[in-house]
């Protein structure tokens, strides 16, 4: 991946890893919420 906004490769990598951590965390939370939502919905019936 090229340098974005004239940042150094090191800064780019740092930003990319933070971004990836964020995506993974959000994805995990979404799955967890979906799972809890489904279990609550099923247990009510």
Protein backbone atom coordinates (compact mmCIF):
# COMPACT_ATOMS: atom_id res chain seq x y z
CA UNK A 1 0.00 0.00 0.00
CA UNK A 2 1.37 3.39 -0.98
CA UNK A 3 2.05 6.20 1.48
CA UNK A 4 -1.22 7.99 2.13
CA UNK A 5 -1.18 11.69 2.98
CA UNK A 6 2.63 11.71 2.84
CA UNK A 7 3.03 9.68 6.00
CA UNK A 8 6.01 7.44 6.53
CA UNK A 9 5.64 3.68 6.15
CA UNK A 10 5.94 3.26 9.92
CA UNK A 11 3.11 5.69 10.61
CA UNK A 12 1.05 4.04 7.88
CA UNK A 13 1.52 0.61 9.45
CA UNK A 14 0.57 1.97 12.86
CA UNK A 15 -2.61 3.51 11.48
CA UNK A 16 -3.43 0.34 9.55
CA UNK A 17 -3.03 -1.87 12.62
CA UNK A 18 -5.19 0.46 14.75
CA UNK A 19 -7.79 0.48 11.99
CA UNK A 20 -7.74 -3.32 11.74
CA UNK A 21 -8.05 -3.69 15.52
CA UNK A 22 -11.05 -1.36 15.39
CA UNK A 23 -12.72 -3.33 12.58
CA UNK A 24 -12.14 -6.66 14.35
CA UNK A 25 -13.50 -5.30 17.64
CA UNK A 26 -16.60 -3.80 16.03
CA UNK A 27 -17.21 -7.02 14.10
CA UNK A 28 -16.84 -9.06 17.31
CA UNK A 29 -19.25 -6.80 19.21
CA UNK A 30 -21.77 -7.00 16.37
CA UNK A 31 -21.64 -10.80 16.37
CA UNK A 32 -21.95 -10.89 20.15
CA UNK A 33 -24.95 -8.55 20.09
CA UNK A 34 -26.55 -10.57 17.30
CA UNK A 35 -26.00 -13.77 19.27
CA UNK A 36 -27.51 -12.31 22.46
CA UNK A 37 -30.39 -10.86 20.46
CA UNK A 38 -31.13 -14.25 18.92
CA UNK A 39 -30.94 -16.12 22.23
CA UNK A 40 -33.23 -13.59 23.93
CA UNK A 41 -35.70 -13.77 21.06
CA UNK A 42 -35.76 -17.57 21.15
CA UNK A 43 -36.06 -17.81 24.94
CA UNK A 44 -39.18 -15.60 24.96
CA UNK A 45 -41.16 -17.96 22.73
